[in-house]
C-alpha atoms as a PDB file:
ATOM      1  CA  MET A   1      99.452  74.042  82.607  1.00  0.00           C
ATOM      2  CA  SER A   2     100.626  71.559  85.236  1.00  0.00           C
ATOM      3  CA  GLY A   3      98.178  69.086  86.729  1.00  0.00           C
ATOM      4  CA  SER A   4      97.715  70.838  90.073  1.00  0.00           C
ATOM      5  CA  LEU A   5      97.594  74.248  88.408  1.00  0.00           C
ATOM      6  CA  GLY A   6      94.947  72.946  85.989  1.00  0.00           C
ATOM      7  CA  ARG A   7      92.868  71.485  88.818  1.00  0.00           C
ATOM      8  CA  ALA A   8      93.054  74.745  90.748  1.00  0.00           C
ATOM      9  CA  ALA A   9      91.995  76.720  87.667  1.00  0.00           C
ATOM     10  CA  ALA A  10      89.094  74.333  87.099  1.00  0.00           C
ATOM     11  CA  ALA A  11      88.025  74.712  90.740  1.00  0.00           C
ATOM     12  CA  LEU A  12      88.118  78.488  90.422  1.00  0.00           C
ATOM     13  CA  LEU A  13      86.050  78.331  87.258  1.00  0.00           C
ATOM     14  CA  ARG A  14      83.451  76.097  88.933  1.00  0.00           C
ATOM     15  CA  TRP A  15      83.374  78.438  91.940  1.00  0.00           C
ATOM     16  CA  GLY A  16      82.796  81.440  89.677  1.00  0.00           C
ATOM     17  CA  ARG A  17      79.915  79.809  87.830  1.00  0.00           C
ATOM     18  CA  GLY A  18      78.212  78.730  91.032  1.00  0.00           C
ATOM     19  CA  ALA A  19      78.502  82.038  92.825  1.00  0.00           C
ATOM     20  CA  GLY A  20      75.216  83.412  91.528  1.00  0.00           C
ATOM     21  CA  GLY A  21      74.685  85.736  88.597  1.00  0.00           C
ATOM     22  CA  GLY A  22      73.705  89.177  89.844  1.00  0.00           C
ATOM     23  CA  GLY A  23      75.875  89.164  92.949  1.00  0.00           C
ATOM     24  CA  LEU A  24      79.068  88.929  90.906  1.00  0.00           C
ATOM     25  CA  ARG A  25      78.973  92.451  89.508  1.00  0.00           C
ATOM     26  CA  SER A  26      81.709  94.565  91.058  1.00  0.00           C
ATOM     27  CA  PRO A  27      80.825  98.255  91.189  1.00  0.00           C
ATOM     28  CA  GLY A  28      84.462  99.449  91.095  1.00  0.00           C
ATOM     29  CA  VAL A  29      85.370  97.569  87.929  1.00  0.00           C
ATOM     30  CA  ARG A  30      85.538  99.840  84.940  1.00  0.00           C
ATOM     31  CA  ALA A  31      84.857  97.962  81.767  1.00  0.00           C
ATOM     32  CA  ALA A  32      87.018 100.346  79.813  1.00  0.00           C
ATOM     33  CA  GLY A  33      86.486 100.408  76.083  1.00  0.00           C
ATOM     34  CA  SER A  34      89.360 100.492  73.678  1.00  0.00           C
ATOM     35  CA  GLY A  35      88.377 104.011  72.713  1.00  0.00           C
ATOM     36  CA  GLY A  36      87.130 102.946  69.294  1.00  0.00           C
ATOM     37  CA  GLY A  37      88.499 104.530  66.116  1.00  0.00           C
ATOM     38  CA  GLY A  38      92.075 103.384  65.176  1.00  0.00           C
ATOM     39  CA  GLY A  39      95.195 103.482  67.237  1.00  0.00           C
ATOM     40  CA  GLY A  40      93.941 100.997  69.851  1.00  0.00           C
ATOM     41  CA  GLY A  41      97.201  99.106  69.579  1.00  0.00           C
ATOM     42  CA  SER A  42      99.794 101.894  69.432  1.00  0.00           C
ATOM     43  CA  ALA A  43     102.625 101.560  71.951  1.00  0.00           C
ATOM     44  CA  GLU A  44     102.030 105.041  73.391  1.00  0.00           C
ATOM     45  CA  ARG A  45      98.325 104.400  73.871  1.00  0.00           C
ATOM     46  CA  LEU A  46      98.950 100.998  75.436  1.00  0.00           C
ATOM     47  CA  ASP A  47     101.572 102.477  77.745  1.00  0.00           C
ATOM     48  CA  ALA A  48      98.999 105.025  78.942  1.00  0.00           C
ATOM     49  CA  MET A  49      96.345 102.313  79.372  1.00  0.00           C
ATOM     50  CA  VAL A  50      98.487 100.000  81.522  1.00  0.00           C
ATOM     51  CA  LYS A  51      99.674 102.870  83.715  1.00  0.00           C
ATOM     52  CA  LYS A  52      96.282 104.551  84.139  1.00  0.00           C
ATOM     53  CA  ASP A  53      95.162 102.363  87.064  1.00  0.00           C
ATOM     54  CA  LYS A  54      96.840 100.305  89.794  1.00  0.00           C
ATOM     55  CA  VAL A  55      95.305  97.124  88.388  1.00  0.00           C
ATOM     56  CA  VAL A  56      94.629  96.728  84.669  1.00  0.00           C
ATOM     57  CA  VAL A  57      93.376  93.588  82.941  1.00  0.00           C
ATOM     58  CA  PHE A  58      93.090  92.871  79.227  1.00  0.00           C
ATOM     59  CA  LEU A  59      90.621  90.040  78.793  1.00  0.00           C
ATOM     60  CA  LYS A  60      88.241  88.369  76.401  1.00  0.00           C
ATOM     61  CA  GLY A  61      84.841  89.697  77.372  1.00  0.00           C
ATOM     62  CA  THR A  62      84.056  91.774  80.434  1.00  0.00           C
ATOM     63  CA  PRO A  63      84.464  91.042  84.156  1.00  0.00           C
ATOM     64  CA  GLU A  64      80.695  90.542  84.336  1.00  0.00           C
ATOM     65  CA  GLN A  65      80.696  88.242  81.309  1.00  0.00           C
ATOM     66  CA  PRO A  66      84.113  86.750  80.506  1.00  0.00           C
ATOM     67  CA  GLN A  67      84.222  85.028  77.127  1.00  0.00           C
ATOM     68  CA  CYS A  68      86.917  82.458  77.927  1.00  0.00           C
ATOM     69  CA  GLY A  69      87.791  80.287  80.896  1.00  0.00           C
ATOM     70  CA  PHE A  70      91.180  81.887  81.462  1.00  0.00           C
ATOM     71  CA  SER A  71      89.710  85.395  81.548  1.00  0.00           C
ATOM     72  CA  ASN A  72      87.051  84.131  83.939  1.00  0.00           C
ATOM     73  CA  ALA A  73      89.709  82.639  86.217  1.00  0.00           C
ATOM     74  CA  VAL A  74      91.570  85.982  86.388  1.00  0.00           C
ATOM     75  CA  VAL A  75      88.346  87.795  87.270  1.00  0.00           C
ATOM     76  CA  GLN A  76      87.561  85.205  89.968  1.00  0.00           C
ATOM     77  CA  ILE A  77      91.039  85.458  91.503  1.00  0.00           C
ATOM     78  CA  LEU A  78      90.707  89.238  91.705  1.00  0.00           C
ATOM     79  CA  ARG A  79      87.252  88.835  93.284  1.00  0.00           C
ATOM     80  CA  LEU A  80      88.594  86.369  95.850  1.00  0.00           C
ATOM     81  CA  HIS A  81      91.082  89.027  96.904  1.00  0.00           C
ATOM     82  CA  GLY A  82      88.375  91.697  96.997  1.00  0.00           C
ATOM     83  CA  VAL A  83      89.951  93.686  94.158  1.00  0.00           C
ATOM     84  CA  SER A  84      87.034  95.563  92.663  1.00  0.00           C
ATOM     85  CA  ASP A  85      88.649  98.789  91.538  1.00  0.00           C
ATOM     86  CA  TYR A  86      90.428  97.947  88.300  1.00  0.00           C
ATOM     87  CA  ALA A  87      90.286  98.766  84.627  1.00  0.00           C
ATOM     88  CA  ALA A  88      89.240  95.962  82.301  1.00  0.00           C
ATOM     89  CA  TYR A  89      89.684  96.117  78.538  1.00  0.00           C
ATOM     90  CA  ASN A  90      87.781  93.728  76.288  1.00  0.00           C
ATOM     91  CA  VAL A  91      90.182  92.774  73.499  1.00  0.00           C
ATOM     92  CA  LEU A  92      87.354  91.171  71.516  1.00  0.00           C
ATOM     93  CA  ASP A  93      86.014  94.674  70.812  1.00  0.00           C
ATOM     94  CA  ASP A  94      89.165  95.771  68.991  1.00  0.00           C
ATOM     95  CA  PRO A  95      91.464  93.500  66.929  1.00  0.00           C
ATOM     96  CA  GLN A  96      94.188  96.190  66.986  1.00  0.00           C
ATOM     97  CA  LEU A  97      94.097  96.270  70.776  1.00  0.00           C
ATOM     98  CA  ARG A  98      94.156  92.461  70.923  1.00  0.00           C
ATOM     99  CA  GLN A  99      97.305  92.217  68.811  1.00  0.00           C
ATOM    100  CA  GLY A 100      98.818  95.424  70.135  1.00  0.00           C
ATOM    101  CA  ILE A 101      98.792  94.347  73.783  1.00  0.00           C
ATOM    102  CA  LYS A 102     100.442  91.040  72.823  1.00  0.00           C
ATOM    103  CA  ASP A 103     103.182  92.946  71.011  1.00  0.00           C
ATOM    104  CA  TYR A 104     103.514  95.487  73.829  1.00  0.00           C
ATOM    105  CA  SER A 105     104.068  92.827  76.507  1.00  0.00           C
ATOM    106  CA  ASN A 106     105.806  90.321  74.243  1.00  0.00           C
ATOM    107  CA  TRP A 107     103.316  87.801  75.678  1.00  0.00           C
ATOM    108  CA  PRO A 108     101.290  85.732  73.194  1.00  0.00           C
ATOM    109  CA  THR A 109      98.075  85.162  75.125  1.00  0.00           C
ATOM    110  CA  ILE A 110      95.098  86.902  76.695  1.00  0.00           C
ATOM    111  CA  PRO A 111      94.254  87.623  79.509  1.00  0.00           C
ATOM    112  CA  GLN A 112      97.056  89.906  80.609  1.00  0.00           C
ATOM    113  CA  VAL A 113      97.348  91.483  84.049  1.00  0.00           C
ATOM    114  CA  TYR A 114      99.267  94.662  84.919  1.00  0.00           C
ATOM    115  CA  LEU A 115      99.954  95.867  88.459  1.00  0.00           C
ATOM    116  CA  ASN A 116     101.120  99.448  88.813  1.00  0.00           C
ATOM    117  CA  GLY A 117     102.005  99.586  85.109  1.00  0.00           C
ATOM    118  CA  GLU A 118     104.115  96.415  85.258  1.00  0.00           C
ATOM    119  CA  PHE A 119     103.190  93.311  83.294  1.00  0.00           C
ATOM    120  CA  VAL A 120     102.539  90.415  85.676  1.00  0.00           C
ATOM    121  CA  GLY A 121     101.427  87.687  83.290  1.00  0.00           C
ATOM    122  CA  GLY A 122      98.330  85.770  82.376  1.00  0.00           C
ATOM    123  CA  CYS A 123      95.988  83.370  84.090  1.00  0.00           C
ATOM    124  CA  ASP A 124      98.569  80.737  84.986  1.00  0.00           C
ATOM    125  CA  ILE A 125     100.950  83.219  86.598  1.00  0.00           C
ATOM    126  CA  LEU A 126      98.187  85.029  88.509  1.00  0.00           C
ATOM    127  CA  LEU A 127      96.876  81.685  89.750  1.00  0.00           C
ATOM    128  CA  GLN A 128     100.349  80.680  90.875  1.00  0.00           C
ATOM    129  CA  MET A 129     100.779  84.026  92.676  1.00  0.00           C
ATOM    130  CA  HIS A 130      97.401  83.500  94.349  1.00  0.00           C
ATOM    131  CA  GLN A 131      98.362  79.995  95.477  1.00  0.00           C
ATOM    132  CA  ASN A 132     101.786  80.875  96.884  1.00  0.00           C
ATOM    133  CA  GLY A 133     100.733  84.142  98.557  1.00  0.00           C
ATOM    134  CA  ASP A 134     102.693  86.464  96.264  1.00  0.00           C
ATOM    135  CA  LEU A 135      99.515  88.149  95.043  1.00  0.00           C
ATOM    136  CA  VAL A 136      98.648  89.270  98.578  1.00  0.00           C
ATOM    137  CA  GLU A 137     102.110  90.843  98.860  1.00  0.00           C
ATOM    138  CA  GLU A 138     101.932  92.527  95.433  1.00  0.00           C
ATOM    139  CA  LEU A 139      98.501  93.960  96.224  1.00  0.00           C
ATOM    140  CA  LYS A 140      99.821  95.238  99.556  1.00  0.00           C
ATOM    141  CA  LYS A 141     102.546  97.158  97.668  1.00  0.00           C
ATOM    142  CA  LEU A 142      99.744  98.889  95.746  1.00  0.00           C
ATOM    143  CA  GLY A 143      97.902  99.813  98.928  1.00  0.00           C
ATOM    144  CA  ILE A 144      95.259  97.144  98.330  1.00  0.00           C
ATOM    145  CA  ARG A 145      94.446  94.865 101.252  1.00  0.00           C
ATOM    146  CA  SER A 146      93.496  91.390 100.104  1.00  0.00           C
ATOM    147  CA  ALA A 147      90.118  90.206 101.333  1.00  0.00           C
ATOM    148  CA  LEU A 148      91.765  86.846 102.007  1.00  0.00           C
ATOM    149  CA  LEU A 149      93.667  88.451 104.892  1.00  0.00           C
ATOM    150  CA  ASP A 150      90.352  89.518 106.449  1.00  0.00           C
ATOM    151  CA  GLU A 151      88.937  86.030 105.898  1.00  0.00           C
ATOM    152  CA  LYS A 152      91.977  84.441 107.567  1.00  0.00           C
ATOM    153  CA  GLN A 153      91.745  86.907 110.467  1.00  0.00           C
ATOM    154  CA  ASP A 154      88.051  86.017 110.944  1.00  0.00           C
ATOM    155  CA  GLN A 155      88.915  82.290 111.017  1.00  0.00           C
ATOM    156  CA  ASP A 156      91.754  82.855 113.486  1.00  0.00           C
ATOM    157  CA  SER A 157      89.469  84.745 115.895  1.00  0.00           C
ATOM    158  CA  LYS A 158      86.950  81.875 116.071  1.00  0.00           C
END
């Protein structure tokens, strides 16, 4: 991770920790289980999982309680944009899912973010998209208005 990217990720992580416990829960987030019982990592099942919702995240932990800093950063970026309606899969619950999603995307790390069934990347790529404005545009394509646009509009009207 580059220096500025690392500093931005660290700032996001600090922001997330200081935002207050109970207020962070997003009602639209579905902490989707891996479905238990074998087959969590089959290509057909994974294909269905990533295409089931407009925004799908495979992370370590849950959006309410991420178990790694990178997963936490992804959750915080989505929160900053007001994205609350997404499916989240905890790869720590299912080793087959954890390895299967890496094989499916040909991407070696978790978290992994999918928009409209397309693999976007992990924490570093989502953070970069957030910083350069691409995430706002990608969300717009999905019919999701970024909360940052509303925040900017409020600042412009003052």
